C-alpha atoms as a PDB file:
ATOM      1  CA  UNK A   1     -88.249 -11.478 -65.563  1.00  0.00           C
ATOM      2  CA  UNK A   2     -85.064  -9.403 -65.215  1.00  0.00           C
ATOM      3  CA  UNK A   3     -82.703 -10.620 -67.920  1.00  0.00           C
ATOM      4  CA  UNK A   4     -79.000  -9.892 -68.233  1.00  0.00           C
ATOM      5  CA  UNK A   5     -77.287 -10.011 -71.607  1.00  0.00           C
ATOM      6  CA  UNK A   6     -73.510 -10.483 -71.539  1.00  0.00           C
ATOM      7  CA  UNK A   7     -71.993  -9.160 -74.731  1.00  0.00           C
ATOM      8  CA  UNK A   8     -72.670  -5.917 -76.577  1.00  0.00           C
ATOM      9  CA  UNK A   9     -71.876  -7.085 -80.093  1.00  0.00           C
ATOM     10  CA  UNK A  10     -74.482  -7.413 -82.817  1.00  0.00           C
ATOM     11  CA  UNK A  11     -75.912 -10.730 -81.575  1.00  0.00           C
ATOM     12  CA  UNK A  12     -76.046  -9.744 -77.920  1.00  0.00           C
ATOM     13  CA  UNK A  13     -77.734  -6.464 -78.822  1.00  0.00           C
ATOM     14  CA  UNK A  14     -80.263  -8.232 -81.045  1.00  0.00           C
ATOM     15  CA  UNK A  15     -81.133 -10.677 -78.258  1.00  0.00           C
ATOM     16  CA  UNK A  16     -81.525  -7.787 -75.830  1.00  0.00           C
ATOM     17  CA  UNK A  17     -84.035  -6.288 -78.266  1.00  0.00           C
ATOM     18  CA  UNK A  18     -85.926  -9.594 -78.478  1.00  0.00           C
ATOM     19  CA  UNK A  19     -86.192  -9.861 -74.700  1.00  0.00           C
ATOM     20  CA  UNK A  20     -87.189  -6.210 -74.277  1.00  0.00           C
ATOM     21  CA  UNK A  21     -89.920  -6.464 -76.906  1.00  0.00           C
ATOM     22  CA  UNK A  22     -91.273  -9.427 -74.977  1.00  0.00           C
ATOM     23  CA  UNK A  23     -91.741  -7.228 -71.941  1.00  0.00           C
ATOM     24  CA  UNK A  24     -88.697  -8.336 -69.989  1.00  0.00           C
ATOM     25  CA  UNK A  25     -86.462  -5.964 -68.042  1.00  0.00           C
ATOM     26  CA  UNK A  26     -83.090  -6.079 -69.823  1.00  0.00           C
ATOM     27  CA  UNK A  27     -79.622  -5.070 -68.641  1.00  0.00           C
ATOM     28  CA  UNK A  28     -76.927  -5.471 -71.294  1.00  0.00           C
ATOM     29  CA  UNK A  29     -73.247  -5.655 -70.350  1.00  0.00           C
ATOM     30  CA  UNK A  30     -70.763  -4.481 -72.980  1.00  0.00           C
ATOM     31  CA  UNK A  31     -66.995  -4.263 -72.790  1.00  0.00           C
ATOM     32  CA  UNK A  32     -66.912  -1.163 -75.009  1.00  0.00           C
ATOM     33  CA  UNK A  33     -67.701   2.056 -73.144  1.00  0.00           C
ATOM     34  CA  UNK A  34     -68.919   3.708 -76.356  1.00  0.00           C
ATOM     35  CA  UNK A  35     -71.518   0.969 -76.823  1.00  0.00           C
ATOM     36  CA  UNK A  36     -72.775   1.445 -73.260  1.00  0.00           C
ATOM     37  CA  UNK A  37     -72.995   5.209 -73.731  1.00  0.00           C
ATOM     38  CA  UNK A  38     -74.796   4.982 -77.081  1.00  0.00           C
ATOM     39  CA  UNK A  39     -77.433   2.539 -75.853  1.00  0.00           C
ATOM     40  CA  UNK A  40     -78.131   4.524 -72.698  1.00  0.00           C
ATOM     41  CA  UNK A  41     -78.428   7.699 -74.788  1.00  0.00           C
ATOM     42  CA  UNK A  42     -81.075   6.079 -76.986  1.00  0.00           C
ATOM     43  CA  UNK A  43     -78.785   5.928 -80.014  1.00  0.00           C
ATOM     44  CA  UNK A  44     -78.851   2.166 -80.482  1.00  0.00           C
ATOM     45  CA  UNK A  45     -75.566   0.351 -81.091  1.00  0.00           C
ATOM     46  CA  UNK A  46     -73.997   2.148 -84.077  1.00  0.00           C
ATOM     47  CA  UNK A  47     -70.692   0.304 -83.661  1.00  0.00           C
ATOM     48  CA  UNK A  48     -72.010  -3.245 -84.086  1.00  0.00           C
ATOM     49  CA  UNK A  49     -75.642  -2.902 -85.218  1.00  0.00           C
ATOM     50  CA  UNK A  50     -75.868   0.367 -87.162  1.00  0.00           C
ATOM     51  CA  UNK A  51     -79.198   1.735 -88.313  1.00  0.00           C
ATOM     52  CA  UNK A  52     -81.310  -0.461 -86.039  1.00  0.00           C
ATOM     53  CA  UNK A  53     -83.389   1.310 -83.353  1.00  0.00           C
ATOM     54  CA  UNK A  54     -83.540  -0.467 -79.999  1.00  0.00           C
ATOM     55  CA  UNK A  55     -86.307  -0.552 -77.373  1.00  0.00           C
ATOM     56  CA  UNK A  56     -85.859   2.313 -74.942  1.00  0.00           C
ATOM     57  CA  UNK A  57     -86.252  -0.095 -72.022  1.00  0.00           C
ATOM     58  CA  UNK A  58     -82.800  -1.667 -72.619  1.00  0.00           C
ATOM     59  CA  UNK A  59     -80.195  -0.383 -70.189  1.00  0.00           C
ATOM     60  CA  UNK A  60     -76.458  -0.960 -70.661  1.00  0.00           C
ATOM     61  CA  UNK A  61     -73.556  -1.230 -68.242  1.00  0.00           C
ATOM     62  CA  UNK A  62     -69.818  -1.810 -68.349  1.00  0.00           C
ATOM     63  CA  UNK A  63     -69.798  -3.310 -64.855  1.00  0.00           C
ATOM     64  CA  UNK A  64     -70.307  -7.073 -64.628  1.00  0.00           C
ATOM     65  CA  UNK A  65     -71.221  -6.737 -60.942  1.00  0.00           C
ATOM     66  CA  UNK A  66     -74.326  -4.830 -62.008  1.00  0.00           C
ATOM     67  CA  UNK A  67     -75.722  -8.157 -63.236  1.00  0.00           C
ATOM     68  CA  UNK A  68     -76.221  -9.313 -59.644  1.00  0.00           C
ATOM     69  CA  UNK A  69     -79.909  -9.950 -59.191  1.00  0.00           C
ATOM     70  CA  UNK A  70     -80.819 -10.867 -62.772  1.00  0.00           C
ATOM     71  CA  UNK A  71     -83.092 -13.893 -63.028  1.00  0.00           C
ATOM     72  CA  UNK A  72     -81.493 -15.284 -66.188  1.00  0.00           C
ATOM     73  CA  UNK A  73     -78.451 -14.360 -68.266  1.00  0.00           C
ATOM     74  CA  UNK A  74     -77.919 -14.660 -72.008  1.00  0.00           C
ATOM     75  CA  UNK A  75     -74.219 -15.374 -72.514  1.00  0.00           C
ATOM     76  CA  UNK A  76     -73.067 -13.975 -75.859  1.00  0.00           C
ATOM     77  CA  UNK A  77     -69.290 -13.197 -75.825  1.00  0.00           C
ATOM     78  CA  UNK A  78     -67.066 -14.898 -78.419  1.00  0.00           C
ATOM     79  CA  UNK A  79     -66.581 -18.535 -77.436  1.00  0.00           C
ATOM     80  CA  UNK A  80     -62.909 -18.082 -76.518  1.00  0.00           C
ATOM     81  CA  UNK A  81     -63.830 -15.378 -73.969  1.00  0.00           C
ATOM     82  CA  UNK A  82     -66.767 -17.096 -72.270  1.00  0.00           C
ATOM     83  CA  UNK A  83     -64.697 -18.606 -69.447  1.00  0.00           C
ATOM     84  CA  UNK A  84     -63.062 -15.308 -68.473  1.00  0.00           C
ATOM     85  CA  UNK A  85     -66.292 -13.314 -68.593  1.00  0.00           C
ATOM     86  CA  UNK A  86     -68.321 -15.893 -66.660  1.00  0.00           C
ATOM     87  CA  UNK A  87     -65.579 -16.185 -64.054  1.00  0.00           C
ATOM     88  CA  UNK A  88     -65.925 -12.467 -63.341  1.00  0.00           C
ATOM     89  CA  UNK A  89     -69.742 -12.370 -63.393  1.00  0.00           C
ATOM     90  CA  UNK A  90     -71.920 -12.797 -60.244  1.00  0.00           C
ATOM     91  CA  UNK A  91     -74.006 -15.620 -61.745  1.00  0.00           C
ATOM     92  CA  UNK A  92     -73.198 -18.618 -59.550  1.00  0.00           C
ATOM     93  CA  UNK A  93     -76.753 -19.984 -59.477  1.00  0.00           C
ATOM     94  CA  UNK A  94     -78.481 -17.975 -62.220  1.00  0.00           C
ATOM     95  CA  UNK A  95     -79.892 -19.806 -65.283  1.00  0.00           C
ATOM     96  CA  UNK A  96     -77.476 -19.283 -68.168  1.00  0.00           C
ATOM     97  CA  UNK A  97     -78.632 -19.246 -71.782  1.00  0.00           C
ATOM     98  CA  UNK A  98     -75.509 -19.898 -73.850  1.00  0.00           C
ATOM     99  CA  UNK A  99     -75.634 -18.111 -77.195  1.00  0.00           C
ATOM    100  CA  UNK A 100     -71.952 -18.247 -78.206  1.00  0.00           C
ATOM    101  CA  UNK A 101     -70.979 -20.803 -80.865  1.00  0.00           C
ATOM    102  CA  UNK A 102     -67.617 -22.502 -80.705  1.00  0.00           C
ATOM    103  CA  UNK A 103     -65.241 -24.867 -78.923  1.00  0.00           C
ATOM    104  CA  UNK A 104     -62.744 -23.630 -76.345  1.00  0.00           C
ATOM    105  CA  UNK A 105     -59.110 -23.808 -77.430  1.00  0.00           C
ATOM    106  CA  UNK A 106     -56.896 -25.956 -75.230  1.00  0.00           C
ATOM    107  CA  UNK A 107     -59.656 -27.775 -73.384  1.00  0.00           C
ATOM    108  CA  UNK A 108     -61.745 -28.649 -76.483  1.00  0.00           C
ATOM    109  CA  UNK A 109     -64.841 -28.071 -74.350  1.00  0.00           C
ATOM    110  CA  UNK A 110     -68.161 -26.875 -75.715  1.00  0.00           C
ATOM    111  CA  UNK A 111     -69.392 -23.559 -74.343  1.00  0.00           C
ATOM    112  CA  UNK A 112     -71.928 -25.287 -72.116  1.00  0.00           C
ATOM    113  CA  UNK A 113     -69.210 -27.485 -70.635  1.00  0.00           C
ATOM    114  CA  UNK A 114     -67.135 -24.383 -69.909  1.00  0.00           C
ATOM    115  CA  UNK A 115     -70.106 -22.765 -68.164  1.00  0.00           C
ATOM    116  CA  UNK A 116     -70.648 -25.837 -65.995  1.00  0.00           C
ATOM    117  CA  UNK A 117     -67.003 -25.753 -64.931  1.00  0.00           C
ATOM    118  CA  UNK A 118     -67.161 -22.080 -63.985  1.00  0.00           C
ATOM    119  CA  UNK A 119     -70.620 -22.056 -62.373  1.00  0.00           C
ATOM    120  CA  UNK A 120     -71.506 -25.689 -61.562  1.00  0.00           C
ATOM    121  CA  UNK A 121     -74.647 -24.698 -59.627  1.00  0.00           C
ATOM    122  CA  UNK A 122     -76.089 -22.623 -62.467  1.00  0.00           C
ATOM    123  CA  UNK A 123     -78.636 -24.402 -64.705  1.00  0.00           C
ATOM    124  CA  UNK A 124     -77.986 -23.839 -68.376  1.00  0.00           C
ATOM    125  CA  UNK A 125     -79.571 -23.907 -71.818  1.00  0.00           C
ATOM    126  CA  UNK A 126     -78.308 -23.363 -75.366  1.00  0.00           C
ATOM    127  CA  UNK A 127     -79.928 -20.993 -77.864  1.00  0.00           C
ATOM    128  CA  UNK A 128     -78.877 -21.630 -81.452  1.00  0.00           C
ATOM    129  CA  UNK A 129     -80.160 -21.552 -84.995  1.00  0.00           C
ATOM    130  CA  UNK A 130     -80.070 -19.667 -88.320  1.00  0.00           C
ATOM    131  CA  UNK A 131     -79.873 -16.087 -87.076  1.00  0.00           C
ATOM    132  CA  UNK A 132     -78.379 -12.994 -88.646  1.00  0.00           C
ATOM    133  CA  UNK A 133     -78.355 -10.421 -85.878  1.00  0.00           C
ATOM    134  CA  UNK A 134     -79.572  -7.481 -87.955  1.00  0.00           C
ATOM    135  CA  UNK A 135     -82.651  -9.437 -89.088  1.00  0.00           C
ATOM    136  CA  UNK A 136     -83.469 -10.555 -85.543  1.00  0.00           C
ATOM    137  CA  UNK A 137     -83.053  -7.006 -84.228  1.00  0.00           C
ATOM    138  CA  UNK A 138     -85.475  -5.713 -86.873  1.00  0.00           C
ATOM    139  CA  UNK A 139     -88.078  -8.291 -85.848  1.00  0.00           C
ATOM    140  CA  UNK A 140     -87.939 -10.271 -89.106  1.00  0.00           C
ATOM    141  CA  UNK A 141     -89.273 -13.854 -88.819  1.00  0.00           C
ATOM    142  CA  UNK A 142     -86.719 -16.147 -87.168  1.00  0.00           C
ATOM    143  CA  UNK A 143     -86.857 -19.666 -85.720  1.00  0.00           C
ATOM    144  CA  UNK A 144     -84.325 -21.064 -83.247  1.00  0.00           C
ATOM    145  CA  UNK A 145     -83.641 -24.063 -81.035  1.00  0.00           C
ATOM    146  CA  UNK A 146     -83.605 -23.723 -77.259  1.00  0.00           C
ATOM    147  CA  UNK A 147     -81.919 -26.820 -75.854  1.00  0.00           C
ATOM    148  CA  UNK A 148     -82.117 -27.603 -72.146  1.00  0.00           C
ATOM    149  CA  UNK A 149     -82.246 -30.890 -70.279  1.00  0.00           C
ATOM    150  CA  UNK A 150     -84.611 -29.409 -67.664  1.00  0.00           C
ATOM    151  CA  UNK A 151     -87.989 -29.340 -69.386  1.00  0.00           C
ATOM    152  CA  UNK A 152     -89.500 -26.919 -66.882  1.00  0.00           C
ATOM    153  CA  UNK A 153     -86.684 -24.399 -67.220  1.00  0.00           C
ATOM    154  CA  UNK A 154     -86.789 -24.766 -70.995  1.00  0.00           C
ATOM    155  CA  UNK A 155     -90.489 -23.895 -71.024  1.00  0.00           C
ATOM    156  CA  UNK A 156     -90.030 -20.891 -68.716  1.00  0.00           C
ATOM    157  CA  UNK A 157     -87.176 -19.465 -70.762  1.00  0.00           C
ATOM    158  CA  UNK A 158     -89.005 -20.018 -74.042  1.00  0.00           C
ATOM    159  CA  UNK A 159     -92.062 -18.204 -72.714  1.00  0.00           C
ATOM    160  CA  UNK A 160     -89.921 -15.184 -71.806  1.00  0.00           C
ATOM    161  CA  UNK A 161     -87.976 -14.996 -75.060  1.00  0.00           C
ATOM    162  CA  UNK A 162     -90.420 -16.096 -77.775  1.00  0.00           C
ATOM    163  CA  UNK A 163     -92.361 -13.488 -79.702  1.00  0.00           C
ATOM    164  CA  UNK A 164     -94.297 -12.993 -82.950  1.00  0.00           C
ATOM    165  CA  UNK A 165     -91.060 -12.723 -84.942  1.00  0.00           C
ATOM    166  CA  UNK A 166     -88.939 -15.052 -82.823  1.00  0.00           C
ATOM    167  CA  UNK A 167     -90.208 -18.622 -82.761  1.00  0.00           C
ATOM    168  CA  UNK A 168     -88.552 -21.077 -80.373  1.00  0.00           C
ATOM    169  CA  UNK A 169     -88.464 -24.853 -80.745  1.00  0.00           C
ATOM    170  CA  UNK A 170     -87.468 -26.832 -77.668  1.00  0.00           C
ATOM    171  CA  UNK A 171     -84.977 -29.662 -77.441  1.00  0.00           C
ATOM    172  CA  UNK A 172     -83.293 -31.693 -74.713  1.00  0.00           C
ATOM    173  CA  UNK A 173     -80.196 -32.291 -76.883  1.00  0.00           C
ATOM    174  CA  UNK A 174     -77.794 -29.651 -75.586  1.00  0.00           C
ATOM    175  CA  UNK A 175     -74.716 -31.255 -77.157  1.00  0.00           C
ATOM    176  CA  UNK A 176     -76.334 -31.441 -80.585  1.00  0.00           C
ATOM    177  CA  UNK A 177     -77.392 -27.798 -80.520  1.00  0.00           C
ATOM    178  CA  UNK A 178     -73.888 -26.708 -79.552  1.00  0.00           C
ATOM    179  CA  UNK A 179     -72.043 -28.831 -82.086  1.00  0.00           C
ATOM    180  CA  UNK A 180     -74.210 -27.653 -84.953  1.00  0.00           C
ATOM    181  CA  UNK A 181     -73.494 -24.031 -84.108  1.00  0.00           C
ATOM    182  CA  UNK A 182     -69.762 -24.601 -83.757  1.00  0.00           C
ATOM    183  CA  UNK A 183     -69.116 -26.750 -86.826  1.00  0.00           C
ATOM    184  CA  UNK A 184     -71.203 -24.671 -89.241  1.00  0.00           C
ATOM    185  CA  UNK A 185     -68.872 -21.694 -88.738  1.00  0.00           C
ATOM    186  CA  UNK A 186     -65.935 -23.709 -90.052  1.00  0.00           C
ATOM    187  CA  UNK A 187     -67.918 -25.017 -93.011  1.00  0.00           C
ATOM    188  CA  UNK A 188     -69.062 -21.491 -93.863  1.00  0.00           C
ATOM    189  CA  UNK A 189     -65.415 -20.509 -94.356  1.00  0.00           C
ATOM    190  CA  UNK A 190     -65.052 -23.370 -96.842  1.00  0.00           C
ATOM    191  CA  UNK A 191     -68.114 -22.220 -98.789  1.00  0.00           C
ATOM    192  CA  UNK A 192     -66.802 -18.672 -98.807  1.00  0.00           C
ATOM    193  CA  UNK A 193     -63.560 -19.949-100.312  1.00  0.00           C
ATOM    194  CA  UNK A 194     -65.555 -21.549-103.111  1.00  0.00           C
ATOM    195  CA  UNK A 195     -67.279 -18.225-103.775  1.00  0.00           C
ATOM    196  CA  UNK A 196     -64.092 -16.171-103.601  1.00  0.00           C
ATOM    197  CA  UNK A 197     -62.162 -18.527-105.875  1.00  0.00           C
ATOM    198  CA  UNK A 198     -64.998 -18.810-108.411  1.00  0.00           C
ATOM    199  CA  UNK A 199     -65.228 -22.579-108.093  1.00  0.00           C
ATOM    200  CA  UNK A 200     -68.951 -22.640-108.882  1.00  0.00           C
ATOM    201  CA  UNK A 201     -72.306 -23.440-107.338  1.00  0.00           C
ATOM    202  CA  UNK A 202     -71.870 -27.198-107.820  1.00  0.00           C
ATOM    203  CA  UNK A 203     -68.849 -27.084-105.522  1.00  0.00           C
ATOM    204  CA  UNK A 204     -70.681 -25.044-102.891  1.00  0.00           C
ATOM    205  CA  UNK A 205     -73.650 -27.441-102.845  1.00  0.00           C
ATOM    206  CA  UNK A 206     -71.278 -30.406-102.545  1.00  0.00           C
ATOM    207  CA  UNK A 207     -69.430 -28.731 -99.672  1.00  0.00           C
ATOM    208  CA  UNK A 208     -72.652 -28.047 -97.784  1.00  0.00           C
ATOM    209  CA  UNK A 209     -73.743 -31.675 -98.176  1.00  0.00           C
ATOM    210  CA  UNK A 210     -70.381 -33.217 -97.323  1.00  0.00           C
ATOM    211  CA  UNK A 211     -69.850 -30.686 -94.558  1.00  0.00           C
ATOM    212  CA  UNK A 212     -73.168 -31.674 -93.051  1.00  0.00           C
ATOM    213  CA  UNK A 213     -71.990 -35.296 -93.157  1.00  0.00           C
ATOM    214  CA  UNK A 214     -68.884 -34.224 -91.191  1.00  0.00           C
ATOM    215  CA  UNK A 215     -71.010 -32.329 -88.696  1.00  0.00           C
ATOM    216  CA  UNK A 216     -73.220 -35.372 -88.188  1.00  0.00           C
ATOM    217  CA  UNK A 217     -70.308 -37.799 -87.749  1.00  0.00           C
ATOM    218  CA  UNK A 218     -68.645 -35.569 -85.201  1.00  0.00           C
ATOM    219  CA  UNK A 219     -71.870 -34.776 -83.396  1.00  0.00           C
ATOM    220  CA  UNK A 220     -72.909 -38.401 -83.025  1.00  0.00           C
ATOM    221  CA  UNK A 221     -69.425 -39.267 -81.758  1.00  0.00           C
ATOM    222  CA  UNK A 222     -69.866 -36.610 -79.061  1.00  0.00           C
ATOM    223  CA  UNK A 223     -73.328 -37.872 -78.068  1.00  0.00           C
ATOM    224  CA  UNK A 224     -75.581 -35.662 -80.188  1.00  0.00           C
ATOM    225  CA  UNK A 225     -78.826 -36.837 -81.765  1.00  0.00           C
ATOM    226  CA  UNK A 226     -78.819 -36.876 -85.602  1.00  0.00           C
ATOM    227  CA  UNK A 227     -82.285 -35.275 -85.583  1.00  0.00           C
ATOM    228  CA  UNK A 228     -80.908 -32.218 -83.815  1.00  0.00           C
ATOM    229  CA  UNK A 229     -78.120 -31.824 -86.353  1.00  0.00           C
ATOM    230  CA  UNK A 230     -80.710 -32.011 -89.150  1.00  0.00           C
ATOM    231  CA  UNK A 231     -82.713 -29.239 -87.479  1.00  0.00           C
ATOM    232  CA  UNK A 232     -82.468 -25.483 -87.008  1.00  0.00           C
ATOM    233  CA  UNK A 233     -79.273 -25.466 -84.941  1.00  0.00           C
ATOM    234  CA  UNK A 234     -77.452 -27.730 -87.393  1.00  0.00           C
ATOM    235  CA  UNK A 235     -78.525 -27.889 -91.023  1.00  0.00           C
ATOM    236  CA  UNK A 236     -80.638 -24.732 -90.788  1.00  0.00           C
ATOM    237  CA  UNK A 237     -77.764 -22.639 -89.473  1.00  0.00           C
ATOM    238  CA  UNK A 238     -75.364 -24.284 -91.929  1.00  0.00           C
ATOM    239  CA  UNK A 239     -77.443 -23.336 -94.967  1.00  0.00           C
ATOM    240  CA  UNK A 240     -77.804 -19.723 -93.828  1.00  0.00           C
ATOM    241  CA  UNK A 241     -74.156 -19.212 -92.943  1.00  0.00           C
ATOM    242  CA  UNK A 242     -72.871 -20.844 -96.126  1.00  0.00           C
ATOM    243  CA  UNK A 243     -74.871 -18.663 -98.490  1.00  0.00           C
ATOM    244  CA  UNK A 244     -74.614 -14.997 -97.538  1.00  0.00           C
ATOM    245  CA  UNK A 245     -71.972 -12.308 -97.194  1.00  0.00           C
ATOM    246  CA  UNK A 246     -73.796 -11.251 -94.017  1.00  0.00           C
ATOM    247  CA  UNK A 247     -71.952 -14.206 -92.466  1.00  0.00           C
ATOM    248  CA  UNK A 248     -68.584 -13.161 -91.050  1.00  0.00           C
ATOM    249  CA  UNK A 249     -67.218 -16.660 -91.640  1.00  0.00           C
ATOM    250  CA  UNK A 250     -68.425 -16.801 -95.246  1.00  0.00           C
ATOM    251  CA  UNK A 251     -66.880 -13.373 -95.873  1.00  0.00           C
ATOM    252  CA  UNK A 252     -63.579 -14.531 -94.393  1.00  0.00           C
ATOM    253  CA  UNK A 253     -63.655 -17.516 -96.734  1.00  0.00           C
ATOM    254  CA  UNK A 254     -64.258 -15.241 -99.725  1.00  0.00           C
ATOM    255  CA  UNK A 255     -61.087 -13.364 -98.851  1.00  0.00           C
ATOM    256  CA  UNK A 256     -59.130 -16.600 -98.565  1.00  0.00           C
ATOM    257  CA  UNK A 257     -60.462 -17.715-101.928  1.00  0.00           C
ATOM    258  CA  UNK A 258     -59.304 -14.431-103.441  1.00  0.00           C
ATOM    259  CA  UNK A 259     -55.770 -15.030-102.159  1.00  0.00           C
ATOM    260  CA  UNK A 260     -55.757 -12.775 -99.096  1.00  0.00           C
ATOM    261  CA  UNK A 261     -54.081 -14.010 -95.917  1.00  0.00           C
ATOM    262  CA  UNK A 262     -56.091 -15.033 -92.881  1.00  0.00           C
ATOM    263  CA  UNK A 263     -53.771 -13.116 -90.553  1.00  0.00           C
ATOM    264  CA  UNK A 264     -54.303  -9.882 -92.466  1.00  0.00           C
ATOM    265  CA  UNK A 265     -58.087 -10.186 -92.561  1.00  0.00           C
ATOM    266  CA  UNK A 266     -58.468 -11.210 -88.924  1.00  0.00           C
ATOM    267  CA  UNK A 267     -56.238  -8.368 -87.762  1.00  0.00           C
ATOM    268  CA  UNK A 268     -58.422  -5.810 -89.516  1.00  0.00           C
ATOM    269  CA  UNK A 269     -61.770  -7.052 -88.165  1.00  0.00           C
ATOM    270  CA  UNK A 270     -63.805  -5.407 -85.423  1.00  0.00           C
ATOM    271  CA  UNK A 271     -66.073  -8.467 -85.222  1.00  0.00           C
ATOM    272  CA  UNK A 272     -65.127 -12.103 -84.643  1.00  0.00           C
ATOM    273  CA  UNK A 273     -65.244 -14.829 -87.302  1.00  0.00           C
ATOM    274  CA  UNK A 274     -65.628 -17.702 -84.841  1.00  0.00           C
ATOM    275  CA  UNK A 275     -64.845 -20.369 -87.424  1.00  0.00           C
ATOM    276  CA  UNK A 276     -61.230 -19.230 -87.697  1.00  0.00           C
ATOM    277  CA  UNK A 277     -60.692 -20.012 -84.014  1.00  0.00           C
ATOM    278  CA  UNK A 278     -62.899 -23.101 -83.934  1.00  0.00           C
ATOM    279  CA  UNK A 279     -61.318 -24.835 -86.959  1.00  0.00           C
ATOM    280  CA  UNK A 280     -58.002 -25.931 -85.370  1.00  0.00           C
ATOM    281  CA  UNK A 281     -59.750 -26.911 -82.146  1.00  0.00           C
ATOM    282  CA  UNK A 282     -62.320 -28.913 -84.087  1.00  0.00           C
ATOM    283  CA  UNK A 283     -59.528 -30.651 -86.002  1.00  0.00           C
ATOM    284  CA  UNK A 284     -57.951 -31.698 -82.688  1.00  0.00           C
ATOM    285  CA  UNK A 285     -61.271 -32.821 -81.220  1.00  0.00           C
ATOM    286  CA  UNK A 286     -62.111 -34.836 -84.348  1.00  0.00           C
ATOM    287  CA  UNK A 287     -58.742 -36.583 -84.269  1.00  0.00           C
ATOM    288  CA  UNK A 288     -59.252 -37.385 -80.598  1.00  0.00           C
ATOM    289  CA  UNK A 289     -62.692 -38.852 -81.377  1.00  0.00           C
ATOM    290  CA  UNK A 290     -61.430 -40.739 -84.442  1.00  0.00           C
ATOM    291  CA  UNK A 291     -63.748 -38.829 -86.785  1.00  0.00           C
ATOM    292  CA  UNK A 292     -62.746 -38.075 -90.377  1.00  0.00           C
ATOM    293  CA  UNK A 293     -63.369 -34.362 -91.192  1.00  0.00           C
ATOM    294  CA  UNK A 294     -61.580 -33.551 -94.475  1.00  0.00           C
ATOM    295  CA  UNK A 295     -63.366 -30.237 -95.102  1.00  0.00           C
ATOM    296  CA  UNK A 296     -62.387 -29.043 -91.637  1.00  0.00           C
ATOM    297  CA  UNK A 297     -58.794 -30.095 -92.289  1.00  0.00           C
ATOM    298  CA  UNK A 298     -58.835 -28.190 -95.584  1.00  0.00           C
ATOM    299  CA  UNK A 299     -60.068 -25.021 -93.869  1.00  0.00           C
ATOM    300  CA  UNK A 300     -57.291 -25.329 -91.295  1.00  0.00           C
ATOM    301  CA  UNK A 301     -54.715 -25.700 -94.046  1.00  0.00           C
ATOM    302  CA  UNK A 302     -55.955 -22.542 -95.782  1.00  0.00           C
ATOM    303  CA  UNK A 303     -55.995 -20.579 -92.545  1.00  0.00           C
ATOM    304  CA  UNK A 304     -52.403 -21.695 -91.978  1.00  0.00           C
ATOM    305  CA  UNK A 305     -51.328 -20.399 -95.388  1.00  0.00           C
ATOM    306  CA  UNK A 306     -51.511 -23.432 -97.678  1.00  0.00           C
ATOM    307  CA  UNK A 307     -52.036 -22.769-101.378  1.00  0.00           C
ATOM    308  CA  UNK A 308     -55.678 -23.004-102.448  1.00  0.00           C
ATOM    309  CA  UNK A 309     -54.932 -25.133-105.514  1.00  0.00           C
ATOM    310  CA  UNK A 310     -53.014 -27.654-103.416  1.00  0.00           C
ATOM    311  CA  UNK A 311     -55.806 -27.919-100.854  1.00  0.00           C
ATOM    312  CA  UNK A 312     -58.555 -28.340-103.479  1.00  0.00           C
ATOM    313  CA  UNK A 313     -56.565 -30.961-105.382  1.00  0.00           C
ATOM    314  CA  UNK A 314     -55.984 -32.912-102.184  1.00  0.00           C
ATOM    315  CA  UNK A 315     -59.721 -32.898-101.375  1.00  0.00           C
ATOM    316  CA  UNK A 316     -60.697 -34.069-104.858  1.00  0.00           C
ATOM    317  CA  UNK A 317     -58.002 -36.777-104.892  1.00  0.00           C
ATOM    318  CA  UNK A 318     -59.325 -38.522-101.796  1.00  0.00           C
ATOM    319  CA  UNK A 319     -60.150 -42.227-102.338  1.00  0.00           C
ATOM    320  CA  UNK A 320     -63.628 -42.902-103.690  1.00  0.00           C
ATOM    321  CA  UNK A 321     -66.148 -44.123-101.111  1.00  0.00           C
ATOM    322  CA  UNK A 322     -69.816 -44.854-100.548  1.00  0.00           C
ATOM    323  CA  UNK A 323     -71.748 -41.707 -99.700  1.00  0.00           C
ATOM    324  CA  UNK A 324     -73.200 -43.037 -96.462  1.00  0.00           C
ATOM    325  CA  UNK A 325     -69.888 -44.432 -95.210  1.00  0.00           C
END
């Protein structure tokens, strides 16, 4: 199968390596000309995935039109750029595997919903789960969810992408897989704040548990299955992202907890902390759905410059309630 990968960041490059090791022909599109040149020169991707050798069979391009003729496309740009990139790509009826995690600002659409608006004739799937790009690129053991309503397409895509170090579990719950990946980025910022502010491991464990409750409430309200949110693309990804400085969102939260401003940190980044963009959109979507998401609201307040002590005190002063309520 000839596979296109849209996005030359760390995650797109890692997925290109997975597909190439599985024997697929891979063409990777990157916006950055230096990334294209380095990959085609056999130097890997030193800008976004330094120190990781890539299969020589991966070819890179800066021309979206070069993707014409691919048999499937992995869509990996930041969530807020998916619409623009897909609109310019010749993929009207090509199966799309959506690997970006987030909710589009303004429309409050999930990435899969954006893809269906742009290319309504293109079948789609969602690939999500606990995945640090550098580990995937090195072939370390990883398990993910591939969600697709079309069982036949799901099986074909899984057969092309799975490998000894990349185990795929199938699901028909596309919404659940997407919501888990989007919400966990916001919660990871909250856990980073706990780390940066020295609030302790008790607080981090509580945030993961109560954050998962938020994720589940919101997901179910949007039509997700609770089992999906308790799986790899929900709880699994949440635990990983909330516990390591390899997570861009967790690292952003550490800075917030140490008193740095969100604007300063985001301006100095070469990679995207999706949770910073998803948080205000998620807050709007939760309000629209009538879902209570206090941790998400707290993250938004911190990103908007609220004092950490004020935000923490407000969370802890919430009325007492039953845990399952």
